[in-house]
Amino acid sequence: MDDDPVARSVRMNTSISSRSIGEAPRVLVVDGSKVVRQLITRVLAAELPAAEVVGCATGEEAQRELQSGAFDFITVALRLPDMDGLELARYVRESAPQAYVPIVVVSGDVDDRLHRRALGEHVTDYFDKSLGFPALGAFIRGYVSPEASATGTVLYVEDSRVVALATRRMMERCGLTVRHVVSVEDAIALLEADRELGWVGADVVLTDVSLKGKLTGGDLLEHIRTEFGYGKGRLPVLVMTGDENPANQAALLKAGANDLVEKPVEESLLITKLLFQLRVAQHMRSLNDPST
């Protein structure tokens, strides 16, 4: 059994807060750029009008704020004037009164670190600035004020009936439509049939790595990206894995996975990641086809 409090904090990151239910969320924005802090504050005012946003230019300022009160969410740049953003994340996990608060790295070079699995164990998630600050606002909303209902179709590939039943209920509870299959072969057949009808087949794919049959979740990812030619915006793919090997995780991301979901699945984190990928995909499609 793992008794490491840091490891536990990463797994429990999205659901624990010392603030009362229904109380306005508090968001801590840590970035050396005043312009970036203002942009994030502006989009949060639109996405979460009731939220209190506290901006800090340095890690030292952020540490003082963290000692003085609880926060529901923290965004941090990778590079701060006085320390690395990952150093601040480590401080939160090891020293701050609220060790389980979600911490998201916001950076323009996060993709390279992500592929190298170099974001560290103290970070909850990451956000690439290239997606735009409005998308960041929606991303944060998914964590601190999740939607009661959502629309979209998930192609879910899982061969364990017990796991599939529990995970499917998680997705259906928030309004998502789930098309469940038990093998990669079945998933490919479904996608091929729907392509013949002029539809991608789903708004997002959620697949396990290890599955019955000859093909793995990695094979499905490769098929979607190469054989079907669906990019990350056209058909997002979330891969569930219990493999903690950084090299294996990096290989899935380099192969075209939009994100990873570690097993055992934590419901809040899974739904947040799914809804975020749905929103980004919808945004990308609207840019390519304004009539949609």
Protein backbone atom coordinates (compact mmCIF):
# COMPACT_ATOMS: atom_id res chain seq x y z
CA MET A 1 0.00 0.00 0.00
CA ASP A 2 1.30 3.46 -0.91
CA ASP A 3 1.46 5.74 2.15
CA ASP A 4 3.25 8.59 0.37
CA PRO A 5 1.13 11.73 1.06
CA VAL A 6 2.34 13.38 -2.15
CA ALA A 7 1.25 10.42 -4.26
CA ARG A 8 -2.11 10.40 -2.51
CA SER A 9 -2.53 14.12 -3.14
CA VAL A 10 -2.04 13.68 -6.88
CA ARG A 11 -4.69 10.96 -7.05
CA MET A 12 -7.15 12.91 -4.91
CA ASN A 13 -6.44 16.29 -6.48
CA THR A 14 -9.76 17.21 -8.03
CA SER A 15 -12.25 16.54 -5.29
CA ILE A 16 -10.84 17.82 -2.00
CA SER A 17 -11.27 21.40 -0.86
CA SER A 18 -11.41 23.01 2.56
CA ARG A 19 -14.01 25.50 1.40
CA SER A 20 -17.73 25.08 1.92
CA ILE A 21 -19.93 23.66 -0.82
CA GLY A 22 -21.63 26.46 -2.71
CA GLU A 23 -19.07 29.06 -1.68
CA ALA A 24 -17.57 31.14 -4.49
CA PRO A 25 -14.41 29.45 -5.82
CA ARG A 26 -10.99 31.05 -5.31
CA VAL A 27 -8.41 30.74 -8.06
CA LEU A 28 -4.72 31.57 -7.63
CA VAL A 29 -2.98 32.68 -10.84
CA VAL A 30 0.82 32.69 -10.63
CA ASP A 31 2.65 34.16 -13.61
CA GLY A 32 5.45 36.68 -13.95
CA SER A 33 3.63 38.43 -16.80
CA LYS A 34 1.08 41.03 -15.72
CA VAL A 35 -0.56 40.74 -19.16
CA VAL A 36 -1.04 36.99 -18.77
CA ARG A 37 -2.49 37.40 -15.28
CA GLN A 38 -4.94 40.00 -16.60
CA LEU A 39 -5.95 37.78 -19.52
CA ILE A 40 -6.64 34.79 -17.27
CA THR A 41 -8.58 36.98 -14.83
CA ARG A 42 -10.66 38.36 -17.70
CA VAL A 43 -11.63 34.97 -19.11
CA LEU A 44 -12.45 33.66 -15.64
CA ALA A 45 -14.72 36.64 -15.07
CA ALA A 46 -16.69 35.43 -18.11
CA GLU A 47 -16.58 31.72 -17.31
CA LEU A 48 -16.94 31.95 -13.50
CA PRO A 49 -18.39 35.39 -12.65
CA ALA A 50 -18.55 34.59 -8.93
CA ALA A 51 -14.96 33.43 -8.67
CA GLU A 52 -12.37 35.36 -6.70
CA VAL A 53 -9.12 35.50 -8.68
CA VAL A 54 -5.88 36.29 -6.87
CA GLY A 55 -2.85 37.09 -9.04
CA CYS A 56 0.77 36.67 -8.01
CA ALA A 57 3.89 37.61 -9.98
CA THR A 58 6.35 35.46 -8.03
CA GLY A 59 6.52 32.18 -6.19
CA GLU A 60 7.21 33.98 -2.93
CA GLU A 61 4.00 36.03 -3.27
CA ALA A 62 2.08 32.86 -4.02
CA GLN A 63 3.47 31.12 -0.94
CA ARG A 64 2.25 33.98 1.27
CA GLU A 65 -1.23 33.79 -0.28
CA LEU A 66 -1.34 30.03 0.18
CA GLN A 67 -0.52 30.36 3.87
CA SER A 68 -3.24 32.97 4.39
CA GLY A 69 -6.22 31.12 2.88
CA ALA A 70 -7.57 28.17 0.90
CA PHE A 71 -7.86 28.02 -2.88
CA ASP A 72 -9.91 25.77 -5.15
CA PHE A 73 -7.54 25.92 -8.11
CA ILE A 74 -4.00 27.10 -8.93
CA THR A 75 -2.50 27.96 -12.31
CA VAL A 76 1.26 28.38 -12.48
CA ALA A 77 3.73 29.27 -15.22
CA LEU A 78 6.72 26.98 -15.67
CA ARG A 79 9.10 29.91 -15.34
CA LEU A 80 8.66 32.44 -12.53
CA PRO A 81 11.00 35.36 -11.72
CA ASP A 82 12.22 33.74 -8.51
CA MET A 83 11.70 30.00 -8.98
CA ASP A 84 10.55 27.25 -11.31
CA GLY A 85 6.80 26.69 -11.36
CA LEU A 86 7.35 23.06 -10.46
CA GLU A 87 9.16 24.18 -7.31
CA LEU A 88 6.05 26.08 -6.27
CA ALA A 89 3.92 23.00 -6.98
CA ARG A 90 6.18 20.96 -4.72
CA TYR A 91 5.81 23.60 -2.00
CA VAL A 92 2.01 23.31 -2.20
CA ARG A 93 2.10 19.54 -1.83
CA GLU A 94 4.63 19.49 0.99
CA SER A 95 4.09 22.73 2.92
CA ALA A 96 0.82 24.47 2.14
CA PRO A 97 -2.19 23.90 4.45
CA GLN A 98 -4.26 22.72 1.46
CA ALA A 99 -2.17 20.00 -0.14
CA TYR A 100 -4.83 18.56 -2.44
CA VAL A 101 -5.73 21.65 -4.48
CA PRO A 102 -5.55 21.08 -8.27
CA ILE A 103 -2.41 22.64 -9.77
CA VAL A 104 -2.29 23.21 -13.52
CA VAL A 105 0.79 24.32 -15.41
CA VAL A 106 0.00 26.97 -18.03
CA SER A 107 2.81 27.31 -20.56
CA GLY A 108 3.69 27.63 -24.22
CA ASP A 109 6.32 24.88 -24.04
CA VAL A 110 4.38 22.41 -21.94
CA ASP A 111 4.07 19.98 -24.85
CA ASP A 112 7.80 19.24 -24.91
CA ARG A 113 7.94 18.63 -21.15
CA LEU A 114 4.78 16.54 -21.37
CA HIS A 115 6.29 14.28 -24.01
CA ARG A 116 9.39 13.91 -21.85
CA ARG A 117 7.15 13.27 -18.82
CA ALA A 118 9.08 16.06 -17.10
CA LEU A 119 6.22 17.93 -15.43
CA GLY A 120 6.75 16.18 -12.13
CA GLU A 121 4.52 14.32 -9.70
CA HIS A 122 3.22 17.44 -7.93
CA VAL A 123 1.31 18.83 -10.94
CA THR A 124 -2.31 17.83 -11.46
CA ASP A 125 -2.59 18.73 -15.13
CA TYR A 126 -1.26 20.97 -17.85
CA PHE A 127 -2.61 23.50 -20.34
CA ASP A 128 -0.98 24.58 -23.60
CA LYS A 129 -1.28 28.34 -24.22
CA SER A 130 -1.62 27.68 -27.95
CA LEU A 131 -5.20 26.58 -27.32
CA GLY A 132 -6.06 30.14 -26.27
CA PHE A 133 -7.06 31.72 -22.98
CA PRO A 134 -10.84 31.34 -23.55
CA ALA A 135 -10.23 27.57 -23.65
CA LEU A 136 -8.28 27.88 -20.39
CA GLY A 137 -11.29 29.54 -18.76
CA ALA A 138 -13.50 26.63 -19.80
CA PHE A 139 -10.83 24.21 -18.59
CA ILE A 140 -10.73 25.76 -15.12
CA ARG A 141 -14.51 25.86 -14.96
CA GLY A 142 -14.53 22.12 -15.52
CA TYR A 143 -12.51 21.65 -12.34
CA VAL A 144 -14.08 24.13 -9.93
CA SER A 145 -17.64 24.26 -11.28
CA PRO A 146 -18.34 21.10 -13.31
CA GLU A 147 -21.33 21.13 -15.60
CA ALA A 148 -24.45 19.33 -14.43
CA SER A 149 -25.01 18.04 -17.94
CA ALA A 150 -23.05 17.84 -21.16
CA THR A 151 -23.60 16.71 -24.73
CA GLY A 152 -21.38 14.50 -26.79
CA THR A 153 -20.74 10.90 -27.77
CA VAL A 154 -17.90 8.87 -26.28
CA LEU A 155 -16.59 5.73 -27.95
CA TYR A 156 -15.50 3.74 -24.91
CA VAL A 157 -13.23 0.69 -25.32
CA GLU A 158 -12.95 -1.50 -22.21
CA ASP A 159 -13.05 -5.29 -21.88
CA SER A 160 -13.73 -5.50 -18.13
CA ARG A 161 -17.47 -5.55 -17.48
CA VAL A 162 -17.06 -4.33 -13.91
CA VAL A 163 -14.83 -1.40 -14.87
CA ALA A 164 -16.95 -0.59 -17.91
CA LEU A 165 -20.18 -0.48 -15.91
CA ALA A 166 -18.75 1.88 -13.29
CA THR A 167 -17.01 4.17 -15.80
CA ARG A 168 -19.97 4.26 -18.13
CA ARG A 169 -22.20 5.39 -15.27
CA MET A 170 -19.73 8.20 -14.51
CA MET A 171 -20.02 9.48 -18.07
CA GLU A 172 -23.76 9.04 -18.42
CA ARG A 173 -24.40 10.85 -15.16
CA CYS A 174 -23.19 14.09 -16.74
CA GLY A 175 -25.24 13.58 -19.91
CA LEU A 176 -22.70 12.00 -22.25
CA THR A 177 -23.80 9.31 -24.70
CA VAL A 178 -21.58 6.23 -24.45
CA ARG A 179 -20.95 3.70 -27.23
CA HIS A 180 -19.19 0.84 -25.47
CA VAL A 181 -17.22 -1.90 -27.21
CA VAL A 182 -14.92 -4.51 -25.68
CA SER A 183 -12.09 -4.66 -28.24
CA VAL A 184 -10.07 -2.52 -30.60
CA GLU A 185 -11.28 -4.65 -33.48
CA ASP A 186 -14.89 -3.75 -32.61
CA ALA A 187 -13.99 -0.07 -32.26
CA ILE A 188 -12.32 0.03 -35.68
CA ALA A 189 -15.27 -1.73 -37.28
CA LEU A 190 -17.66 0.81 -35.73
CA LEU A 191 -15.55 3.76 -36.88
CA GLU A 192 -15.26 2.33 -40.40
CA ALA A 193 -19.01 1.80 -40.65
CA ASP A 194 -19.74 5.32 -39.47
CA ARG A 195 -17.17 6.81 -41.84
CA GLU A 196 -19.08 5.22 -44.70
CA LEU A 197 -22.15 7.07 -43.43
CA GLY A 198 -20.28 10.38 -43.33
CA TRP A 199 -19.74 10.60 -39.56
CA VAL A 200 -16.58 10.22 -37.51
CA GLY A 201 -18.37 7.89 -35.09
CA ALA A 202 -17.85 9.77 -31.83
CA ASP A 203 -16.87 13.12 -30.40
CA VAL A 204 -14.11 11.60 -28.27
CA VAL A 205 -12.55 8.16 -27.77
CA LEU A 206 -11.78 6.76 -24.32
CA THR A 207 -9.78 3.55 -24.46
CA ASP A 208 -7.88 1.28 -22.12
CA VAL A 209 -4.39 0.20 -23.19
CA SER A 210 -4.53 -3.52 -22.42
CA LEU A 211 -7.51 -5.21 -24.07
CA LYS A 212 -8.62 -8.64 -25.18
CA GLY A 213 -7.78 -9.50 -28.75
CA LYS A 214 -4.63 -8.95 -30.78
CA LEU A 215 -4.78 -5.16 -30.77
CA THR A 216 -4.09 -2.74 -27.92
CA GLY A 217 -5.31 0.75 -27.15
CA GLY A 218 -2.04 1.97 -28.66
CA ASP A 219 -2.93 0.19 -31.89
CA LEU A 220 -6.32 1.88 -31.90
CA LEU A 221 -4.66 5.26 -31.40
CA GLU A 222 -2.31 4.62 -34.32
CA HIS A 223 -5.20 3.47 -36.52
CA ILE A 224 -7.23 6.60 -35.74
CA ARG A 225 -4.33 8.95 -36.43
CA THR A 226 -2.87 7.22 -39.52
CA GLU A 227 -5.43 4.95 -41.20
CA PHE A 228 -8.42 7.19 -40.60
CA GLY A 229 -6.38 10.38 -40.64
CA TYR A 230 -8.31 11.94 -37.75
CA GLY A 231 -6.21 14.57 -35.97
CA LYS A 232 -6.38 15.48 -32.29
CA GLY A 233 -8.99 18.17 -32.94
CA ARG A 234 -11.17 16.01 -35.20
CA LEU A 235 -11.30 13.00 -32.85
CA PRO A 236 -9.68 13.43 -29.42
CA VAL A 237 -8.39 10.24 -27.82
CA LEU A 238 -7.99 9.78 -24.06
CA VAL A 239 -6.01 6.70 -23.05
CA MET A 240 -6.53 5.02 -19.68
CA THR A 241 -3.46 3.32 -18.28
CA GLY A 242 -2.22 1.82 -15.06
CA ASP A 243 1.34 1.82 -16.38
CA GLU A 244 3.36 4.39 -14.43
CA ASN A 245 6.43 4.00 -16.65
CA PRO A 246 7.20 7.52 -17.97
CA ALA A 247 8.66 6.16 -21.23
CA ASN A 248 5.50 4.19 -22.01
CA GLN A 249 3.29 7.16 -21.15
CA ALA A 250 5.42 9.43 -23.34
CA ALA A 251 5.12 6.98 -26.24
CA LEU A 252 1.31 7.17 -26.10
CA LEU A 253 1.40 10.97 -26.15
CA LYS A 254 3.88 11.04 -29.01
CA ALA A 255 1.65 8.62 -30.92
CA GLY A 256 -1.19 11.14 -30.78
CA ALA A 257 -3.07 10.70 -27.51
CA ASN A 258 -4.64 13.98 -26.42
CA ASP A 259 -4.20 13.05 -22.78
CA LEU A 260 -3.81 10.16 -20.35
CA VAL A 261 -6.09 9.08 -17.51
CA GLU A 262 -4.35 7.06 -14.84
CA LYS A 263 -6.05 4.00 -13.37
CA PRO A 264 -7.75 3.49 -11.03
CA VAL A 265 -9.96 6.19 -12.52
CA GLU A 266 -10.93 9.16 -10.35
CA GLU A 267 -14.37 10.32 -11.53
CA SER A 268 -13.91 14.08 -11.23
CA LEU A 269 -10.62 14.02 -13.11
CA LEU A 270 -11.95 11.75 -15.87
CA ILE A 271 -15.05 13.88 -16.49
CA THR A 272 -13.05 17.11 -16.42
CA LYS A 273 -10.62 15.78 -19.02
CA LEU A 274 -13.42 14.40 -21.22
CA LEU A 275 -15.45 17.62 -21.17
CA PHE A 276 -12.36 19.70 -21.83
CA GLN A 277 -11.43 17.63 -24.90
CA LEU A 278 -15.02 17.87 -26.12
CA ARG A 279 -15.00 21.66 -25.79
CA VAL A 280 -11.65 22.02 -27.55
CA ALA A 281 -12.74 19.72 -30.40
CA GLN A 282 -15.98 21.65 -30.83
CA HIS A 283 -14.00 24.90 -30.89
CA MET A 284 -11.59 23.52 -33.51
CA ARG A 285 -14.43 22.28 -35.71
CA SER A 286 -16.17 25.66 -35.50
CA LEU A 287 -12.98 27.34 -36.72
CA ASN A 288 -12.73 24.95 -39.66
CA ASP A 289 -16.43 25.12 -40.43
CA PRO A 290 -18.14 28.29 -39.13
CA SER A 291 -21.56 26.85 -39.99
CA THR A 292 -21.21 24.14 -37.31
